[in-house]
Amino acid sequence: FSVLLLIYMAIVIGNILIILLVSTNSNLKI
């Protein structure tokens, strides 16, 4: 249970970070 929740948090943080990077960085808007 603990491992799955940690993995879930890592998934959300990692993927949302990519979404935010592409949304806010002009060099990534390709």
Full PDB file with SEQRES, HELIX, SHEET, SSBOND, CRYST1, ORIGX, SCALE, CONECT and MASTER records, all heavy atoms in Angstrom:
SEQRES   1 A   30  PHE SER VAL LEU LEU LEU ILE TYR MET ALA ILE VAL ILE          
SEQRES   2 A   30  GLY ASN ILE LEU ILE ILE LEU LEU VAL SER THR ASN SER          
SEQRES   3 A   30  ASN LEU LYS ILE                                              
HELIX    1 AA1 SER A    2  THR A   24  1                                  23    
HELIX    2 AA2 SER A   26  LEU A   28  5                                   3    
CRYST1    1.000    1.000    1.000  90.00  90.00  90.00 P 1           1          
ORIGX1      1.000000  0.000000  0.000000        0.00000                         
ORIGX2      0.000000  1.000000  0.000000        0.00000                         
ORIGX3      0.000000  0.000000  1.000000        0.00000                         
SCALE1      1.000000  0.000000  0.000000        0.00000                         
SCALE2      0.000000  1.000000  0.000000        0.00000                         
SCALE3      0.000000  0.000000  1.000000        0.00000                         
ATOM      1  N   PHE A   1       0.830  -1.202   0.000  1.00  0.00           N  
ATOM      2  CA  PHE A   1       0.000   0.000   0.000  1.00  0.00           C  
ATOM      3  C   PHE A   1       0.865   1.252   0.000  1.00  0.00           C  
ATOM      4  O   PHE A   1       0.642   2.182  -0.786  1.00  0.00           O  
ATOM      5  CB  PHE A   1      -0.914  -0.020   1.226  1.00  0.00           C  
ATOM      6  CG  PHE A   1      -1.768   1.209   1.376  1.00  0.00           C  
ATOM      7  CD1 PHE A   1      -2.944   1.353   0.658  1.00  0.00           C  
ATOM      8  CD2 PHE A   1      -1.380   2.224   2.245  1.00  0.00           C  
ATOM      9  CE1 PHE A   1      -3.723   2.496   0.804  1.00  0.00           C  
ATOM     10  CE2 PHE A   1      -2.158   3.364   2.393  1.00  0.00           C  
ATOM     11  CZ  PHE A   1      -3.332   3.495   1.667  1.00  0.00           C  
ATOM     12  N   SER A   2       1.877   1.286   0.865  1.00  0.00           N  
ATOM     13  CA  SER A   2       2.760   2.451   0.965  1.00  0.00           C  
ATOM     14  C   SER A   2       3.546   2.666  -0.322  1.00  0.00           C  
ATOM     15  O   SER A   2       3.680   3.799  -0.805  1.00  0.00           O  
ATOM     16  CB  SER A   2       3.722   2.284   2.142  1.00  0.00           C  
ATOM     17  OG  SER A   2       3.023   2.094   3.356  1.00  0.00           O  
ATOM     18  N   VAL A   3       4.063   1.567  -0.899  1.00  0.00           N  
ATOM     19  CA  VAL A   3       4.838   1.668  -2.138  1.00  0.00           C  
ATOM     20  C   VAL A   3       3.975   2.192  -3.279  1.00  0.00           C  
ATOM     21  O   VAL A   3       4.396   3.062  -4.057  1.00  0.00           O  
ATOM     22  CB  VAL A   3       5.453   0.299  -2.505  1.00  0.00           C  
ATOM     23  CG1 VAL A   3       6.030   0.330  -3.911  1.00  0.00           C  
ATOM     24  CG2 VAL A   3       6.530  -0.075  -1.503  1.00  0.00           C  
ATOM     25  N   LEU A   4       2.741   1.685  -3.384  1.00  0.00           N  
ATOM     26  CA  LEU A   4       1.854   2.127  -4.456  1.00  0.00           C  
ATOM     27  C   LEU A   4       1.522   3.609  -4.335  1.00  0.00           C  
ATOM     28  O   LEU A   4       1.489   4.331  -5.336  1.00  0.00           O  
ATOM     29  CB  LEU A   4       0.560   1.304  -4.450  1.00  0.00           C  
ATOM     30  CG  LEU A   4       0.557   0.000  -5.244  1.00  0.00           C  
ATOM     31  CD1 LEU A   4      -0.779  -0.706  -5.101  1.00  0.00           C  
ATOM     32  CD2 LEU A   4       0.866   0.253  -6.714  1.00  0.00           C  
ATOM     33  N   LEU A   5       1.279   4.081  -3.116  1.00  0.00           N  
ATOM     34  CA  LEU A   5       0.971   5.502  -2.931  1.00  0.00           C  
ATOM     35  C   LEU A   5       2.178   6.378  -3.266  1.00  0.00           C  
ATOM     36  O   LEU A   5       2.029   7.450  -3.864  1.00  0.00           O  
ATOM     37  CB  LEU A   5       0.506   5.762  -1.499  1.00  0.00           C  
ATOM     38  CG  LEU A   5      -0.909   5.290  -1.156  1.00  0.00           C  
ATOM     39  CD1 LEU A   5      -1.311   5.781   0.225  1.00  0.00           C  
ATOM     40  CD2 LEU A   5      -1.934   5.774  -2.181  1.00  0.00           C  
ATOM     41  N   LEU A   6       3.380   5.929  -2.901  1.00  0.00           N  
ATOM     42  CA  LEU A   6       4.589   6.682  -3.252  1.00  0.00           C  
ATOM     43  C   LEU A   6       4.774   6.730  -4.766  1.00  0.00           C  
ATOM     44  O   LEU A   6       5.131   7.769  -5.328  1.00  0.00           O  
ATOM     45  CB  LEU A   6       5.810   6.052  -2.574  1.00  0.00           C  
ATOM     46  CG  LEU A   6       5.937   6.243  -1.058  1.00  0.00           C  
ATOM     47  CD1 LEU A   6       7.114   5.441  -0.513  1.00  0.00           C  
ATOM     48  CD2 LEU A   6       6.095   7.723  -0.724  1.00  0.00           C  
ATOM     49  N   ILE A   7       4.531   5.601  -5.414  1.00  0.00           N  
ATOM     50  CA  ILE A   7       4.635   5.555  -6.876  1.00  0.00           C  
ATOM     51  C   ILE A   7       3.601   6.478  -7.515  1.00  0.00           C  
ATOM     52  O   ILE A   7       3.904   7.202  -8.472  1.00  0.00           O  
ATOM     53  CB  ILE A   7       4.466   4.112  -7.384  1.00  0.00           C  
ATOM     54  CG1 ILE A   7       5.675   3.267  -6.990  1.00  0.00           C  
ATOM     55  CG2 ILE A   7       4.270   4.078  -8.901  1.00  0.00           C  
ATOM     56  CD1 ILE A   7       5.544   1.801  -7.340  1.00  0.00           C  
ATOM     57  N   TYR A   8       2.384   6.460  -6.968  1.00  0.00           N  
ATOM     58  CA  TYR A   8       1.333   7.333  -7.506  1.00  0.00           C  
ATOM     59  C   TYR A   8       1.720   8.800  -7.387  1.00  0.00           C  
ATOM     60  O   TYR A   8       1.545   9.583  -8.332  1.00  0.00           O  
ATOM     61  CB  TYR A   8       0.018   7.069  -6.778  1.00  0.00           C  
ATOM     62  CG  TYR A   8      -1.096   8.000  -7.178  1.00  0.00           C  
ATOM     63  CD1 TYR A   8      -1.603   7.983  -8.477  1.00  0.00           C  
ATOM     64  CD2 TYR A   8      -1.629   8.909  -6.274  1.00  0.00           C  
ATOM     65  CE1 TYR A   8      -2.620   8.841  -8.859  1.00  0.00           C  
ATOM     66  CE2 TYR A   8      -2.639   9.763  -6.640  1.00  0.00           C  
ATOM     67  CZ  TYR A   8      -3.132   9.729  -7.938  1.00  0.00           C  
ATOM     68  OH  TYR A   8      -4.134  10.601  -8.311  1.00  0.00           O  
ATOM     69  N   MET A   9       2.278   9.183  -6.241  1.00  0.00           N  
ATOM     70  CA  MET A   9       2.720  10.565  -6.056  1.00  0.00           C  
ATOM     71  C   MET A   9       3.822  10.927  -7.053  1.00  0.00           C  
ATOM     72  O   MET A   9       3.825  12.017  -7.628  1.00  0.00           O  
ATOM     73  CB  MET A   9       3.213  10.768  -4.621  1.00  0.00           C  
ATOM     74  CG  MET A   9       2.117  10.709  -3.575  1.00  0.00           C  
ATOM     75  SD  MET A   9       2.760  10.714  -1.878  1.00  0.00           S  
ATOM     76  CE  MET A   9       3.596  12.298  -1.849  1.00  0.00           C  
ATOM     77  N   ALA A  10       4.739   9.987  -7.289  1.00  0.00           N  
ATOM     78  CA  ALA A  10       5.823  10.233  -8.247  1.00  0.00           C  
ATOM     79  C   ALA A  10       5.280  10.375  -9.663  1.00  0.00           C  
ATOM     80  O   ALA A  10       5.738  11.230 -10.436  1.00  0.00           O  
ATOM     81  CB  ALA A  10       6.843   9.096  -8.183  1.00  0.00           C  
ATOM     82  N   ILE A  11       4.298   9.549 -10.013  1.00  0.00           N  
ATOM     83  CA  ILE A  11       3.689   9.632 -11.339  1.00  0.00           C  
ATOM     84  C   ILE A  11       3.020  10.990 -11.542  1.00  0.00           C  
ATOM     85  O   ILE A  11       3.212  11.651 -12.574  1.00  0.00           O  
ATOM     86  CB  ILE A  11       2.653   8.494 -11.533  1.00  0.00           C  
ATOM     87  CG1 ILE A  11       3.361   7.143 -11.647  1.00  0.00           C  
ATOM     88  CG2 ILE A  11       1.791   8.741 -12.770  1.00  0.00           C  
ATOM     89  CD1 ILE A  11       2.417   5.963 -11.612  1.00  0.00           C  
ATOM     90  N   VAL A  12       2.222  11.398 -10.563  1.00  0.00           N  
ATOM     91  CA  VAL A  12       1.501  12.672 -10.675  1.00  0.00           C  
ATOM     92  C   VAL A  12       2.480  13.837 -10.757  1.00  0.00           C  
ATOM     93  O   VAL A  12       2.360  14.711 -11.635  1.00  0.00           O  
ATOM     94  CB  VAL A  12       0.539  12.846  -9.479  1.00  0.00           C  
ATOM     95  CG1 VAL A  12      -0.055  14.248  -9.477  1.00  0.00           C  
ATOM     96  CG2 VAL A  12      -0.570  11.809  -9.534  1.00  0.00           C  
ATOM     97  N   ILE A  13       3.466  13.859  -9.879  1.00  0.00           N  
ATOM     98  CA  ILE A  13       4.430  14.968  -9.863  1.00  0.00           C  
ATOM     99  C   ILE A  13       5.234  15.010 -11.163  1.00  0.00           C  
ATOM    100  O   ILE A  13       5.395  16.071 -11.785  1.00  0.00           O  
ATOM    101  CB  ILE A  13       5.366  14.845  -8.651  1.00  0.00           C  
ATOM    102  CG1 ILE A  13       4.584  15.071  -7.359  1.00  0.00           C  
ATOM    103  CG2 ILE A  13       6.517  15.850  -8.752  1.00  0.00           C  
ATOM    104  CD1 ILE A  13       5.364  14.744  -6.097  1.00  0.00           C  
ATOM    105  N   GLY A  14       5.746  13.854 -11.591  1.00  0.00           N  
ATOM    106  CA  GLY A  14       6.580  13.806 -12.786  1.00  0.00           C  
ATOM    107  C   GLY A  14       5.840  14.223 -14.041  1.00  0.00           C  
ATOM    108  O   GLY A  14       6.337  15.029 -14.844  1.00  0.00           O  
ATOM    109  N   ASN A  15       4.627  13.699 -14.224  1.00  0.00           N  
ATOM    110  CA  ASN A  15       3.875  14.002 -15.444  1.00  0.00           C  
ATOM    111  C   ASN A  15       3.299  15.416 -15.435  1.00  0.00           C  
ATOM    112  O   ASN A  15       3.275  16.085 -16.474  1.00  0.00           O  
ATOM    113  CB  ASN A  15       2.756  12.969 -15.642  1.00  0.00           C  
ATOM    114  CG  ASN A  15       3.282  11.639 -16.151  1.00  0.00           C  
ATOM    115  OD1 ASN A  15       3.636  11.490 -17.317  1.00  0.00           O  
ATOM    116  ND2 ASN A  15       3.340  10.651 -15.273  1.00  0.00           N  
ATOM    117  N   ILE A  16       2.848  15.880 -14.281  1.00  0.00           N  
ATOM    118  CA  ILE A  16       2.348  17.257 -14.206  1.00  0.00           C  
ATOM    119  C   ILE A  16       3.490  18.243 -14.428  1.00  0.00           C  
ATOM    120  O   ILE A  16       3.300  19.307 -15.046  1.00  0.00           O  
ATOM    121  CB  ILE A  16       1.649  17.509 -12.852  1.00  0.00           C  
ATOM    122  CG1 ILE A  16       0.298  16.793 -12.834  1.00  0.00           C  
ATOM    123  CG2 ILE A  16       1.455  18.998 -12.607  1.00  0.00           C  
ATOM    124  CD1 ILE A  16      -0.515  16.989 -11.584  1.00  0.00           C  
ATOM    125  N   LEU A  17       4.682  17.886 -13.971  1.00  0.00           N  
ATOM    126  CA  LEU A  17       5.846  18.740 -14.213  1.00  0.00           C  
ATOM    127  C   LEU A  17       6.113  18.880 -15.707  1.00  0.00           C  
ATOM    128  O   LEU A  17       6.395  19.983 -16.195  1.00  0.00           O  
ATOM    129  CB  LEU A  17       7.076  18.164 -13.511  1.00  0.00           C  
ATOM    130  CG  LEU A  17       8.362  18.984 -13.596  1.00  0.00           C  
ATOM    131  CD1 LEU A  17       8.155  20.383 -13.004  1.00  0.00           C  
ATOM    132  CD2 LEU A  17       9.505  18.270 -12.888  1.00  0.00           C  
ATOM    133  N   ILE A  18       5.998  17.781 -16.442  1.00  0.00           N  
ATOM    134  CA  ILE A  18       6.174  17.852 -17.899  1.00  0.00           C  
ATOM    135  C   ILE A  18       5.087  18.723 -18.531  1.00  0.00           C  
ATOM    136  O   ILE A  18       5.362  19.542 -19.411  1.00  0.00           O  
ATOM    137  CB  ILE A  18       6.163  16.435 -18.504  1.00  0.00           C  
ATOM    138  CG1 ILE A  18       7.475  15.721 -18.200  1.00  0.00           C  
ATOM    139  CG2 ILE A  18       5.945  16.486 -20.018  1.00  0.00           C  
ATOM    140  CD1 ILE A  18       7.583  14.331 -18.758  1.00  0.00           C  
ATOM    141  N   ILE A  19       3.844  18.563 -18.083  1.00  0.00           N  
ATOM    142  CA  ILE A  19       2.740  19.371 -18.611  1.00  0.00           C  
ATOM    143  C   ILE A  19       3.004  20.854 -18.366  1.00  0.00           C  
ATOM    144  O   ILE A  19       2.817  21.693 -19.266  1.00  0.00           O  
ATOM    145  CB  ILE A  19       1.410  18.936 -17.971  1.00  0.00           C  
ATOM    146  CG1 ILE A  19       1.042  17.514 -18.409  1.00  0.00           C  
ATOM    147  CG2 ILE A  19       0.284  19.913 -18.353  1.00  0.00           C  
ATOM    148  CD1 ILE A  19      -0.145  16.935 -17.665  1.00  0.00           C  
ATOM    149  N   LEU A  20       3.451  21.200 -17.168  1.00  0.00           N  
ATOM    150  CA  LEU A  20       3.720  22.598 -16.832  1.00  0.00           C  
ATOM    151  C   LEU A  20       4.925  23.141 -17.600  1.00  0.00           C  
ATOM    152  O   LEU A  20       4.910  24.294 -18.047  1.00  0.00           O  
ATOM    153  CB  LEU A  20       3.952  22.745 -15.327  1.00  0.00           C  
ATOM    154  CG  LEU A  20       2.737  22.487 -14.434  1.00  0.00           C  
ATOM    155  CD1 LEU A  20       3.126  22.556 -12.966  1.00  0.00           C  
ATOM    156  CD2 LEU A  20       1.621  23.482 -14.746  1.00  0.00           C  
ATOM    157  N   LEU A  21       5.951  22.325 -17.760  1.00  0.00           N  
ATOM    158  CA  LEU A  21       7.136  22.763 -18.498  1.00  0.00           C  
ATOM    159  C   LEU A  21       6.780  23.112 -19.940  1.00  0.00           C  
ATOM    160  O   LEU A  21       7.197  24.147 -20.474  1.00  0.00           O  
ATOM    161  CB  LEU A  21       8.210  21.674 -18.479  1.00  0.00           C  
ATOM    162  CG  LEU A  21       9.015  21.506 -17.194  1.00  0.00           C  
ATOM    163  CD1 LEU A  21       9.935  20.291 -17.300  1.00  0.00           C  
ATOM    164  CD2 LEU A  21       9.832  22.750 -16.895  1.00  0.00           C  
ATOM    165  N   VAL A  22       6.014  22.243 -20.577  1.00  0.00           N  
ATOM    166  CA  VAL A  22       5.632  22.487 -21.976  1.00  0.00           C  
ATOM    167  C   VAL A  22       4.711  23.701 -22.072  1.00  0.00           C  
ATOM    168  O   VAL A  22       4.781  24.477 -23.033  1.00  0.00           O  
ATOM    169  CB  VAL A  22       4.961  21.239 -22.575  1.00  0.00           C  
ATOM    170  CG1 VAL A  22       4.480  21.508 -23.992  1.00  0.00           C  
ATOM    171  CG2 VAL A  22       5.931  20.054 -22.573  1.00  0.00           C  
ATOM    172  N   SER A  23       3.857  23.882 -21.081  1.00  0.00           N  
ATOM    173  CA  SER A  23       2.901  24.998 -21.114  1.00  0.00           C  
ATOM    174  C   SER A  23       3.565  26.346 -20.895  1.00  0.00           C  
ATOM    175  O   SER A  23       3.115  27.362 -21.438  1.00  0.00           O  
ATOM    176  CB  SER A  23       1.813  24.795 -20.046  1.00  0.00           C  
ATOM    177  OG  SER A  23       1.099  23.603 -20.272  1.00  0.00           O  
ATOM    178  N   THR A  24       4.649  26.379 -20.104  1.00  0.00           N  
ATOM    179  CA  THR A  24       5.237  27.664 -19.706  1.00  0.00           C  
ATOM    180  C   THR A  24       6.542  28.010 -20.406  1.00  0.00           C  
ATOM    181  O   THR A  24       6.965  29.160 -20.355  1.00  0.00           O  
ATOM    182  CB  THR A  24       5.486  27.669 -18.182  1.00  0.00           C  
ATOM    183  OG1 THR A  24       6.350  26.567 -17.836  1.00  0.00           O  
ATOM    184  CG2 THR A  24       4.172  27.515 -17.419  1.00  0.00           C  
ATOM    185  N   ASN A  25       7.172  27.026 -21.032  1.00  0.00           N  
ATOM    186  CA  ASN A  25       8.469  27.271 -21.662  1.00  0.00           C  
ATOM    187  C   ASN A  25       8.294  27.398 -23.170  1.00  0.00           C  
ATOM    188  O   ASN A  25       7.859  26.447 -23.839  1.00  0.00           O  
ATOM    189  CB  ASN A  25       9.439  26.134 -21.327  1.00  0.00           C  
ATOM    190  CG  ASN A  25      10.879  26.481 -21.649  1.00  0.00           C  
ATOM    191  OD1 ASN A  25      11.183  26.868 -22.772  1.00  0.00           O  
ATOM    192  ND2 ASN A  25      11.757  26.363 -20.667  1.00  0.00           N  
ATOM    193  N   SER A  26       8.637  28.538 -23.719  1.00  0.00           N  
ATOM    194  CA  SER A  26       8.447  28.788 -25.153  1.00  0.00           C  
ATOM    195  C   SER A  26       9.300  27.869 -26.018  1.00  0.00           C  
ATOM    196  O   SER A  26       8.925  27.530 -27.147  1.00  0.00           O  
ATOM    197  CB  SER A  26       8.771  30.251 -25.481  1.00  0.00           C  
ATOM    198  OG  SER A  26      10.106  30.565 -25.111  1.00  0.00           O  
ATOM    199  N   ASN A  27      10.458  27.430 -25.506  1.00  0.00           N  
ATOM    200  CA  ASN A  27      11.340  26.541 -26.267  1.00  0.00           C  
ATOM    201  C   ASN A  27      10.750  25.137 -26.438  1.00  0.00           C  
ATOM    202  O   ASN A  27      11.198  24.369 -27.294  1.00  0.00           O  
ATOM    203  CB  ASN A  27      12.707  26.429 -25.589  1.00  0.00           C  
ATOM    204  CG  ASN A  27      13.462  27.747 -25.614  1.00  0.00           C  
ATOM    205  OD1 ASN A  27      13.312  28.540 -26.540  1.00  0.00           O  
ATOM    206  ND2 ASN A  27      14.267  27.996 -24.585  1.00  0.00           N  
ATOM    207  N   LEU A  28       9.768  24.788 -25.596  1.00  0.00           N  
ATOM    208  CA  LEU A  28       9.173  23.455 -25.643  1.00  0.00           C  
ATOM    209  C   LEU A  28       7.841  23.432 -26.390  1.00  0.00           C  
ATOM    210  O   LEU A  28       7.213  22.372 -26.474  1.00  0.00           O  
ATOM    211  CB  LEU A  28       8.977  22.919 -24.219  1.00  0.00           C  
ATOM    212  CG  LEU A  28      10.243  22.727 -23.374  1.00  0.00           C  
ATOM    213  CD1 LEU A  28       9.880  22.192 -22.002  1.00  0.00           C  
ATOM    214  CD2 LEU A  28      11.224  21.787 -24.062  1.00  0.00           C  
ATOM    215  N   LYS A  29       7.419  24.573 -26.909  1.00  0.00           N  
ATOM    216  CA  LYS A  29       6.126  24.624 -27.603  1.00  0.00           C  
ATOM    217  C   LYS A  29       6.287  24.232 -29.063  1.00  0.00           C  
ATOM    218  O   LYS A  29       6.009  25.008 -29.984  1.00  0.00           O  
ATOM    219  CB  LYS A  29       5.499  26.002 -27.442  1.00  0.00           C  
ATOM    220  CG  LYS A  29       5.041  26.254 -26.005  1.00  0.00           C  
ATOM    221  CD  LYS A  29       4.323  27.570 -25.838  1.00  0.00           C  
ATOM    222  CE  LYS A  29       3.849  27.747 -24.405  1.00  0.00           C  
ATOM    223  NZ  LYS A  29       3.174  29.029 -24.165  1.00  0.00           N  
ATOM    224  N   ILE A  30       6.759  22.998 -29.257  1.00  0.00           N  
ATOM    225  CA  ILE A  30       6.879  22.404 -30.585  1.00  0.00           C  
ATOM    226  C   ILE A  30       6.054  21.126 -30.591  1.00  0.00           C  
ATOM    227  O   ILE A  30       5.736  20.576 -29.521  1.00  0.00           O  
ATOM    228  CB  ILE A  30       8.351  22.116 -30.942  1.00  0.00           C  
ATOM    229  CG1 ILE A  30       8.978  21.156 -29.928  1.00  0.00           C  
ATOM    230  CG2 ILE A  30       9.146  23.416 -31.019  1.00  0.00           C  
ATOM    231  CD1 ILE A  30      10.391  20.747 -30.273  1.00  0.00           C  
TER     232      ILE A  30                                                      
MASTER        0    0    0    2    0    0    0    6  231    1    0    3          
END                                                                             
